[in-house]
Amino acid sequence: MDNGPAYRDKAEKVLRGKTPWYKKPAVLTIGAFYVILMLVLFTGGESVPEVFPAPDFSLENIMGPEEVSLSDYSGRPVILYFFASW
């Protein structure tokens, strides 16, 4: 049986139970997830979905008597909030 320093160091490390932070399962799992996410997001190729314009429609303005049309906001982002209280 070899009782050299390398064997002793390995045995002490096992008995102490200390592993470096970069070898812990949680860190390895999060790191692998991060690498996969970066590969998916930044790999070459066209990954942008095809965009279709929304159909034009008009609604009554709650702030006044006129109507508001979707085409009035052409080229700008629009958020539609539908609320119903039944």
PDB file of N, CA and C in Angstrom:
ATOM      1  N   MET A   1       0.846  -1.173   0.000  1.00  0.00           N
ATOM      2  CA  MET A   1       0.000   0.000   0.000  1.00  0.00           C
ATOM      3  C   MET A   1       0.889   1.233   0.000  1.00  0.00           C
ATOM      4  N   ASP A   2       0.547   2.188  -0.866  1.00  0.00           N
ATOM      5  CA  ASP A   2       1.338   3.400  -1.005  1.00  0.00           C
ATOM      6  C   ASP A   2       0.866   4.430   0.014  1.00  0.00           C
ATOM      7  N   ASN A   3       1.743   4.880   0.869  1.00  0.00           N
ATOM      8  CA  ASN A   3       1.422   5.887   1.872  1.00  0.00           C
ATOM      9  C   ASN A   3       2.132   7.199   1.583  1.00  0.00           C
ATOM     10  N   GLY A   4       2.326   7.492   0.299  1.00  0.00           N
ATOM     11  CA  GLY A   4       3.032   8.708  -0.087  1.00  0.00           C
ATOM     12  C   GLY A   4       2.175   9.948   0.145  1.00  0.00           C
ATOM     13  N   PRO A   5       2.762  11.128  -0.057  1.00  0.00           N
ATOM     14  CA  PRO A   5       2.057  12.387   0.195  1.00  0.00           C
ATOM     15  C   PRO A   5       0.820  12.580  -0.692  1.00  0.00           C
ATOM     16  N   ALA A   6       0.891  12.127  -1.935  1.00  0.00           N
ATOM     17  CA  ALA A   6      -0.256  12.313  -2.824  1.00  0.00           C
ATOM     18  C   ALA A   6      -1.454  11.508  -2.319  1.00  0.00           C
ATOM     19  N   TYR A   7      -1.208  10.289  -1.872  1.00  0.00           N
ATOM     20  CA  TYR A   7      -2.278   9.441  -1.349  1.00  0.00           C
ATOM     21  C   TYR A   7      -2.856  10.052  -0.080  1.00  0.00           C
ATOM     22  N   ARG A   8      -2.006  10.563   0.781  1.00  0.00           N
ATOM     23  CA  ARG A   8      -2.442  11.171   2.036  1.00  0.00           C
ATOM     24  C   ARG A   8      -3.281  12.434   1.775  1.00  0.00           C
ATOM     25  N   ASP A   9      -2.831  13.256   0.822  1.00  0.00           N
ATOM     26  CA  ASP A   9      -3.576  14.472   0.498  1.00  0.00           C
ATOM     27  C   ASP A   9      -4.964  14.149  -0.040  1.00  0.00           C
ATOM     28  N   LYS A  10      -5.039  13.133  -0.882  1.00  0.00           N
ATOM     29  CA  LYS A  10      -6.332  12.741  -1.446  1.00  0.00           C
ATOM     30  C   LYS A  10      -7.245  12.210  -0.343  1.00  0.00           C
ATOM     31  N   ALA A  11      -6.709  11.416   0.563  1.00  0.00           N
ATOM     32  CA  ALA A  11      -7.513  10.869   1.659  1.00  0.00           C
ATOM     33  C   ALA A  11      -8.008  11.984   2.574  1.00  0.00           C
ATOM     34  N   GLU A  12      -7.161  12.954   2.862  1.00  0.00           N
ATOM     35  CA  GLU A  12      -7.581  14.068   3.723  1.00  0.00           C
ATOM     36  C   GLU A  12      -8.659  14.909   3.044  1.00  0.00           C
ATOM     37  N   LYS A  13      -8.528  15.094   1.758  1.00  0.00           N
ATOM     38  CA  LYS A  13      -9.523  15.865   1.021  1.00  0.00           C
ATOM     39  C   LYS A  13     -10.886  15.174   1.054  1.00  0.00           C
ATOM     40  N   VAL A  14     -10.888  13.851   0.896  1.00  0.00           N
ATOM     41  CA  VAL A  14     -12.143  13.095   0.946  1.00  0.00           C
ATOM     42  C   VAL A  14     -12.739  13.163   2.342  1.00  0.00           C
ATOM     43  N   LEU A  15     -11.911  13.023   3.359  1.00  0.00           N
ATOM     44  CA  LEU A  15     -12.414  13.058   4.727  1.00  0.00           C
ATOM     45  C   LEU A  15     -12.950  14.438   5.101  1.00  0.00           C
ATOM     46  N   ARG A  16     -12.315  15.485   4.620  1.00  0.00           N
ATOM     47  CA  ARG A  16     -12.793  16.842   4.905  1.00  0.00           C
ATOM     48  C   ARG A  16     -14.053  17.149   4.115  1.00  0.00           C
ATOM     49  N   GLY A  17     -14.212  16.535   2.949  1.00  0.00           N
ATOM     50  CA  GLY A  17     -15.399  16.748   2.131  1.00  0.00           C
ATOM     51  C   GLY A  17     -15.432  18.091   1.436  1.00  0.00           C
ATOM     52  N   LYS A  18     -14.308  18.747   1.325  1.00  0.00           N
ATOM     53  CA  LYS A  18     -14.296  20.059   0.690  1.00  0.00           C
ATOM     54  C   LYS A  18     -13.967  19.908  -0.787  1.00  0.00           C
ATOM     55  N   THR A  19     -14.839  20.442  -1.610  1.00  0.00           N
ATOM     56  CA  THR A  19     -14.569  20.503  -3.040  1.00  0.00           C
ATOM     57  C   THR A  19     -14.583  21.970  -3.444  1.00  0.00           C
ATOM     58  N   PRO A  20     -13.797  22.313  -4.414  1.00  0.00           N
ATOM     59  CA  PRO A  20     -13.786  23.716  -4.860  1.00  0.00           C
ATOM     60  C   PRO A  20     -15.159  24.137  -5.364  1.00  0.00           C
ATOM     61  N   TRP A  21     -15.445  25.426  -5.284  1.00  0.00           N
ATOM     62  CA  TRP A  21     -16.765  25.924  -5.666  1.00  0.00           C
ATOM     63  C   TRP A  21     -17.082  25.618  -7.120  1.00  0.00           C
ATOM     64  N   TYR A  22     -16.083  25.577  -7.971  1.00  0.00           N
ATOM     65  CA  TYR A  22     -16.328  25.366  -9.391  1.00  0.00           C
ATOM     66  C   TYR A  22     -16.582  23.907  -9.741  1.00  0.00           C
ATOM     67  N   LYS A  23     -16.460  23.000  -8.771  1.00  0.00           N
ATOM     68  CA  LYS A  23     -16.737  21.593  -9.019  1.00  0.00           C
ATOM     69  C   LYS A  23     -18.041  21.131  -8.377  1.00  0.00           C
ATOM     70  N   LYS A  24     -18.792  22.027  -7.787  1.00  0.00           N
ATOM     71  CA  LYS A  24     -20.051  21.654  -7.146  1.00  0.00           C
ATOM     72  C   LYS A  24     -21.120  21.431  -8.213  1.00  0.00           C
ATOM     73  N   PRO A  25     -22.029  20.481  -8.003  1.00  0.00           N
ATOM     74  CA  PRO A  25     -23.037  20.155  -9.018  1.00  0.00           C
ATOM     75  C   PRO A  25     -23.926  21.336  -9.409  1.00  0.00           C
ATOM     76  N   ALA A  26     -24.300  22.174  -8.472  1.00  0.00           N
ATOM     77  CA  ALA A  26     -25.168  23.303  -8.798  1.00  0.00           C
ATOM     78  C   ALA A  26     -24.448  24.286  -9.718  1.00  0.00           C
ATOM     79  N   VAL A  27     -23.190  24.547  -9.445  1.00  0.00           N
ATOM     80  CA  VAL A  27     -22.422  25.476 -10.281  1.00  0.00           C
ATOM     81  C   VAL A  27     -22.224  24.897 -11.673  1.00  0.00           C
ATOM     82  N   LEU A  28     -21.957  23.607 -11.756  1.00  0.00           N
ATOM     83  CA  LEU A  28     -21.791  22.971 -13.058  1.00  0.00           C
ATOM     84  C   LEU A  28     -23.089  22.972 -13.855  1.00  0.00           C
ATOM     85  N   THR A  29     -24.209  22.746 -13.179  1.00  0.00           N
ATOM     86  CA  THR A  29     -25.506  22.741 -13.860  1.00  0.00           C
ATOM     87  C   THR A  29     -25.847  24.128 -14.380  1.00  0.00           C
ATOM     88  N   ILE A  30     -25.677  25.135 -13.556  1.00  0.00           N
ATOM     89  CA  ILE A  30     -25.969  26.507 -13.979  1.00  0.00           C
ATOM     90  C   ILE A  30     -25.025  26.927 -15.101  1.00  0.00           C
ATOM     91  N   GLY A  31     -23.781  26.552 -14.999  1.00  0.00           N
ATOM     92  CA  GLY A  31     -22.816  26.868 -16.053  1.00  0.00           C
ATOM     93  C   GLY A  31     -23.178  26.208 -17.376  1.00  0.00           C
ATOM     94  N   ALA A  32     -23.581  24.949 -17.325  1.00  0.00           N
ATOM     95  CA  ALA A  32     -23.983  24.253 -18.545  1.00  0.00           C
ATOM     96  C   ALA A  32     -25.223  24.903 -19.153  1.00  0.00           C
ATOM     97  N   PHE A  33     -26.179  25.282 -18.325  1.00  0.00           N
ATOM     98  CA  PHE A  33     -27.381  25.960 -18.809  1.00  0.00           C
ATOM     99  C   PHE A  33     -27.008  27.282 -19.478  1.00  0.00           C
ATOM    100  N   TYR A  34     -26.110  28.034 -18.874  1.00  0.00           N
ATOM    101  CA  TYR A  34     -25.673  29.318 -19.417  1.00  0.00           C
ATOM    102  C   TYR A  34     -24.985  29.133 -20.763  1.00  0.00           C
ATOM    103  N   VAL A  35     -24.128  28.142 -20.877  1.00  0.00           N
ATOM    104  CA  VAL A  35     -23.426  27.892 -22.137  1.00  0.00           C
ATOM    105  C   VAL A  35     -24.420  27.509 -23.229  1.00  0.00           C
ATOM    106  N   ILE A  36     -25.376  26.640 -22.908  1.00  0.00           N
ATOM    107  CA  ILE A  36     -26.383  26.239 -23.894  1.00  0.00           C
ATOM    108  C   ILE A  36     -27.232  27.436 -24.302  1.00  0.00           C
ATOM    109  N   LEU A  37     -27.610  28.265 -23.348  1.00  0.00           N
ATOM    110  CA  LEU A  37     -28.406  29.458 -23.651  1.00  0.00           C
ATOM    111  C   LEU A  37     -27.641  30.395 -24.573  1.00  0.00           C
ATOM    112  N   MET A  38     -26.372  30.612 -24.315  1.00  0.00           N
ATOM    113  CA  MET A  38     -25.578  31.495 -25.165  1.00  0.00           C
ATOM    114  C   MET A  38     -25.413  30.909 -26.569  1.00  0.00           C
ATOM    115  N   LEU A  39     -25.260  29.597 -26.666  1.00  0.00           N
ATOM    116  CA  LEU A  39     -25.153  28.971 -27.982  1.00  0.00           C
ATOM    117  C   LEU A  39     -26.434  29.138 -28.782  1.00  0.00           C
ATOM    118  N   VAL A  40     -27.560  28.986 -28.119  1.00  0.00           N
ATOM    119  CA  VAL A  40     -28.844  29.130 -28.804  1.00  0.00           C
ATOM    120  C   VAL A  40     -29.060  30.576 -29.233  1.00  0.00           C
ATOM    121  N   LEU A  41     -28.749  31.517 -28.367  1.00  0.00           N
ATOM    122  CA  LEU A  41     -29.029  32.924 -28.665  1.00  0.00           C
ATOM    123  C   LEU A  41     -28.069  33.530 -29.674  1.00  0.00           C
ATOM    124  N   PHE A  42     -26.815  33.149 -29.649  1.00  0.00           N
ATOM    125  CA  PHE A  42     -25.821  33.839 -30.443  1.00  0.00           C
ATOM    126  C   PHE A  42     -25.205  33.010 -31.559  1.00  0.00           C
ATOM    127  N   THR A  43     -25.830  31.920 -31.931  1.00  0.00           N
ATOM    128  CA  THR A  43     -25.310  31.169 -33.072  1.00  0.00           C
ATOM    129  C   THR A  43     -25.783  31.832 -34.353  1.00  0.00           C
ATOM    130  N   GLY A  44     -25.075  31.589 -35.416  1.00  0.00           N
ATOM    131  CA  GLY A  44     -25.417  32.191 -36.697  1.00  0.00           C
ATOM    132  C   GLY A  44     -26.725  31.640 -37.241  1.00  0.00           C
ATOM    133  N   GLY A  45     -27.234  32.304 -38.244  1.00  0.00           N
ATOM    134  CA  GLY A  45     -28.476  31.870 -38.858  1.00  0.00           C
ATOM    135  C   GLY A  45     -29.605  32.818 -38.541  1.00  0.00           C
ATOM    136  N   GLU A  46     -30.609  32.724 -39.347  1.00  0.00           N
ATOM    137  CA  GLU A  46     -31.779  33.589 -39.195  1.00  0.00           C
ATOM    138  C   GLU A  46     -32.749  32.928 -38.227  1.00  0.00           C
ATOM    139  N   SER A  47     -32.887  33.476 -37.033  1.00  0.00           N
ATOM    140  CA  SER A  47     -33.791  32.896 -36.050  1.00  0.00           C
ATOM    141  C   SER A  47     -34.960  33.818 -35.732  1.00  0.00           C
ATOM    142  N   VAL A  48     -35.094  34.931 -36.466  1.00  0.00           N
ATOM    143  CA  VAL A  48     -36.180  35.870 -36.225  1.00  0.00           C
ATOM    144  C   VAL A  48     -37.427  35.340 -36.927  1.00  0.00           C
ATOM    145  N   PRO A  49     -38.535  35.220 -36.213  1.00  0.00           N
ATOM    146  CA  PRO A  49     -39.745  34.710 -36.863  1.00  0.00           C
ATOM    147  C   PRO A  49     -40.291  35.713 -37.872  1.00  0.00           C
ATOM    148  N   GLU A  50     -41.036  35.196 -38.819  1.00  0.00           N
ATOM    149  CA  GLU A  50     -41.644  36.048 -39.830  1.00  0.00           C
ATOM    150  C   GLU A  50     -42.727  36.901 -39.174  1.00  0.00           C
ATOM    151  N   VAL A  51     -42.745  38.181 -39.497  1.00  0.00           N
ATOM    152  CA  VAL A  51     -43.662  39.119 -38.862  1.00  0.00           C
ATOM    153  C   VAL A  51     -44.757  39.503 -39.850  1.00  0.00           C
ATOM    154  N   PHE A  52     -45.997  39.422 -39.400  1.00  0.00           N
ATOM    155  CA  PHE A  52     -47.128  39.820 -40.210  1.00  0.00           C
ATOM    156  C   PHE A  52     -47.762  41.060 -39.594  1.00  0.00           C
ATOM    157  N   PRO A  53     -48.133  42.039 -40.406  1.00  0.00           N
ATOM    158  CA  PRO A  53     -48.764  43.231 -39.847  1.00  0.00           C
ATOM    159  C   PRO A  53     -50.152  42.919 -39.301  1.00  0.00           C
ATOM    160  N   ALA A  54     -50.519  43.633 -38.246  1.00  0.00           N
ATOM    161  CA  ALA A  54     -51.848  43.450 -37.653  1.00  0.00           C
ATOM    162  C   ALA A  54     -52.890  44.102 -38.556  1.00  0.00           C
ATOM    163  N   PRO A  55     -54.084  43.541 -38.605  1.00  0.00           N
ATOM    164  CA  PRO A  55     -55.129  44.178 -39.411  1.00  0.00           C
ATOM    165  C   PRO A  55     -55.542  45.506 -38.779  1.00  0.00           C
ATOM    166  N   ASP A  56     -55.877  46.463 -39.620  1.00  0.00           N
ATOM    167  CA  ASP A  56     -56.265  47.782 -39.129  1.00  0.00           C
ATOM    168  C   ASP A  56     -57.667  47.715 -38.532  1.00  0.00           C
ATOM    169  N   PHE A  57     -57.857  48.365 -37.392  1.00  0.00           N
ATOM    170  CA  PHE A  57     -59.175  48.464 -36.777  1.00  0.00           C
ATOM    171  C   PHE A  57     -59.276  49.777 -36.024  1.00  0.00           C
ATOM    172  N   SER A  58     -60.485  50.179 -35.719  1.00  0.00           N
ATOM    173  CA  SER A  58     -60.735  51.434 -35.013  1.00  0.00           C
ATOM    174  C   SER A  58     -61.541  51.152 -33.761  1.00  0.00           C
ATOM    175  N   LEU A  59     -61.251  51.922 -32.725  1.00  0.00           N
ATOM    176  CA  LEU A  59     -61.984  51.813 -31.464  1.00  0.00           C
ATOM    177  C   LEU A  59     -62.384  53.201 -31.004  1.00  0.00           C
ATOM    178  N   GLU A  60     -63.382  53.230 -30.164  1.00  0.00           N
ATOM    179  CA  GLU A  60     -63.821  54.495 -29.592  1.00  0.00           C
ATOM    180  C   GLU A  60     -62.802  54.946 -28.547  1.00  0.00           C
ATOM    181  N   ASN A  61     -62.443  56.219 -28.583  1.00  0.00           N
ATOM    182  CA  ASN A  61     -61.491  56.769 -27.632  1.00  0.00           C
ATOM    183  C   ASN A  61     -62.208  57.039 -26.317  1.00  0.00           C
ATOM    184  N   ILE A  62     -61.667  56.537 -25.203  1.00  0.00           N
ATOM    185  CA  ILE A  62     -62.325  56.757 -23.911  1.00  0.00           C
ATOM    186  C   ILE A  62     -62.069  58.165 -23.388  1.00  0.00           C
ATOM    187  N   MET A  63     -61.117  58.878 -23.996  1.00  0.00           N
ATOM    188  CA  MET A  63     -60.794  60.234 -23.549  1.00  0.00           C
ATOM    189  C   MET A  63     -61.514  61.317 -24.357  1.00  0.00           C
ATOM    190  N   GLY A  64     -62.249  60.934 -25.380  1.00  0.00           N
ATOM    191  CA  GLY A  64     -62.923  61.932 -26.201  1.00  0.00           C
ATOM    192  C   GLY A  64     -63.885  61.280 -27.175  1.00  0.00           C
ATOM    193  N   PRO A  65     -64.566  62.095 -27.989  1.00  0.00           N
ATOM    194  CA  PRO A  65     -65.594  61.560 -28.876  1.00  0.00           C
ATOM    195  C   PRO A  65     -65.045  60.919 -30.153  1.00  0.00           C
ATOM    196  N   GLU A  66     -63.791  61.145 -30.520  1.00  0.00           N
ATOM    197  CA  GLU A  66     -63.267  60.626 -31.782  1.00  0.00           C
ATOM    198  C   GLU A  66     -62.862  59.162 -31.664  1.00  0.00           C
ATOM    199  N   GLU A  67     -62.643  58.540 -32.814  1.00  0.00           N
ATOM    200  CA  GLU A  67     -62.185  57.159 -32.856  1.00  0.00           C
ATOM    201  C   GLU A  67     -60.669  57.120 -32.992  1.00  0.00           C
ATOM    202  N   VAL A  68     -60.067  56.051 -32.519  1.00  0.00           N
ATOM    203  CA  VAL A  68     -58.625  55.836 -32.632  1.00  0.00           C
ATOM    204  C   VAL A  68     -58.420  54.629 -33.529  1.00  0.00           C
ATOM    205  N   SER A  69     -57.555  54.778 -34.509  1.00  0.00           N
ATOM    206  CA  SER A  69     -57.275  53.701 -35.447  1.00  0.00           C
ATOM    207  C   SER A  69     -55.871  53.157 -35.197  1.00  0.00           C
ATOM    208  N   LEU A  70     -55.703  51.891 -35.445  1.00  0.00           N
ATOM    209  CA  LEU A  70     -54.382  51.282 -35.268  1.00  0.00           C
ATOM    210  C   LEU A  70     -53.380  51.864 -36.263  1.00  0.00           C
ATOM    211  N   SER A  71     -53.852  52.239 -37.431  1.00  0.00           N
ATOM    212  CA  SER A  71     -52.943  52.811 -38.432  1.00  0.00           C
ATOM    213  C   SER A  71     -52.405  54.178 -38.006  1.00  0.00           C
ATOM    214  N   ASP A  72     -53.033  54.828 -37.026  1.00  0.00           N
ATOM    215  CA  ASP A  72     -52.510  56.095 -36.500  1.00  0.00           C
ATOM    216  C   ASP A  72     -51.161  55.900 -35.819  1.00  0.00           C
ATOM    217  N   TYR A  73     -50.891  54.705 -35.366  1.00  0.00           N
ATOM    218  CA  TYR A  73     -49.656  54.401 -34.630  1.00  0.00           C
ATOM    219  C   TYR A  73     -48.702  53.541 -35.464  1.00  0.00           C
ATOM    220  N   SER A  74     -48.758  53.678 -36.758  1.00  0.00           N
ATOM    221  CA  SER A  74     -47.924  52.879 -37.652  1.00  0.00           C
ATOM    222  C   SER A  74     -46.441  53.134 -37.381  1.00  0.00           C
ATOM    223  N   GLY A  75     -45.662  52.076 -37.267  1.00  0.00           N
ATOM    224  CA  GLY A  75     -44.227  52.176 -37.034  1.00  0.00           C
ATOM    225  C   GLY A  75     -43.837  52.285 -35.578  1.00  0.00           C
ATOM    226  N   ARG A  76     -44.800  52.335 -34.672  1.00  0.00           N
ATOM    227  CA  ARG A  76     -44.508  52.429 -33.246  1.00  0.00           C
ATOM    228  C   ARG A  76     -45.080  51.197 -32.536  1.00  0.00           C
ATOM    229  N   PRO A  77     -44.471  50.774 -31.445  1.00  0.00           N
ATOM    230  CA  PRO A  77     -45.024  49.636 -30.705  1.00  0.00           C
ATOM    231  C   PRO A  77     -46.341  50.014 -30.034  1.00  0.00           C
ATOM    232  N   VAL A  78     -47.276  49.090 -30.044  1.00  0.00           N
ATOM    233  CA  VAL A  78     -48.598  49.317 -29.456  1.00  0.00           C
ATOM    234  C   VAL A  78     -48.889  48.167 -28.504  1.00  0.00           C
ATOM    235  N   ILE A  79     -49.352  48.503 -27.311  1.00  0.00           N
ATOM    236  CA  ILE A  79     -49.763  47.487 -26.342  1.00  0.00           C
ATOM    237  C   ILE A  79     -51.280  47.586 -26.189  1.00  0.00           C
ATOM    238  N   LEU A  80     -51.956  46.480 -26.446  1.00  0.00           N
ATOM    239  CA  LEU A  80     -53.403  46.432 -26.294  1.00  0.00           C
ATOM    240  C   LEU A  80     -53.722  45.714 -25.003  1.00  0.00           C
ATOM    241  N   TYR A  81     -54.487  46.357 -24.171  1.00  0.00           N
ATOM    242  CA  TYR A  81     -54.847  45.782 -22.878  1.00  0.00           C
ATOM    243  C   TYR A  81     -56.356  45.549 -22.878  1.00  0.00           C
ATOM    244  N   PHE A  82     -56.756  44.303 -22.920  1.00  0.00           N
ATOM    245  CA  PHE A  82     -58.179  43.957 -22.900  1.00  0.00           C
ATOM    246  C   PHE A  82     -58.549  43.559 -21.480  1.00  0.00           C
ATOM    247  N   PHE A  83     -59.563  44.182 -20.968  1.00  0.00           N
ATOM    248  CA  PHE A  83     -60.002  43.915 -19.601  1.00  0.00           C
ATOM    249  C   PHE A  83     -61.505  43.646 -19.609  1.00  0.00           C
ATOM    250  N   ALA A  84     -61.922  42.665 -18.893  1.00  0.00           N
ATOM    251  CA  ALA A  84     -63.345  42.373 -18.799  1.00  0.00           C
ATOM    252  C   ALA A  84     -63.663  42.042 -17.349  1.00  0.00           C
ATOM    253  N   SER A  85     -64.667  42.641 -16.823  1.00  0.00           N
ATOM    254  CA  SER A  85     -65.140  42.282 -15.488  1.00  0.00           C
ATOM    255  C   SER A  85     -66.545  41.714 -15.641  1.00  0.00           C
ATOM    256  N   TRP A  86     -66.638  40.446 -15.569  1.00  0.00           N
ATOM    257  CA  TRP A  86     -67.919  39.763 -15.820  1.00  0.00           C
ATOM    258  C   TRP A  86     -68.769  39.789 -14.585  1.00  0.00           C
TER     259      TRP A  86
END
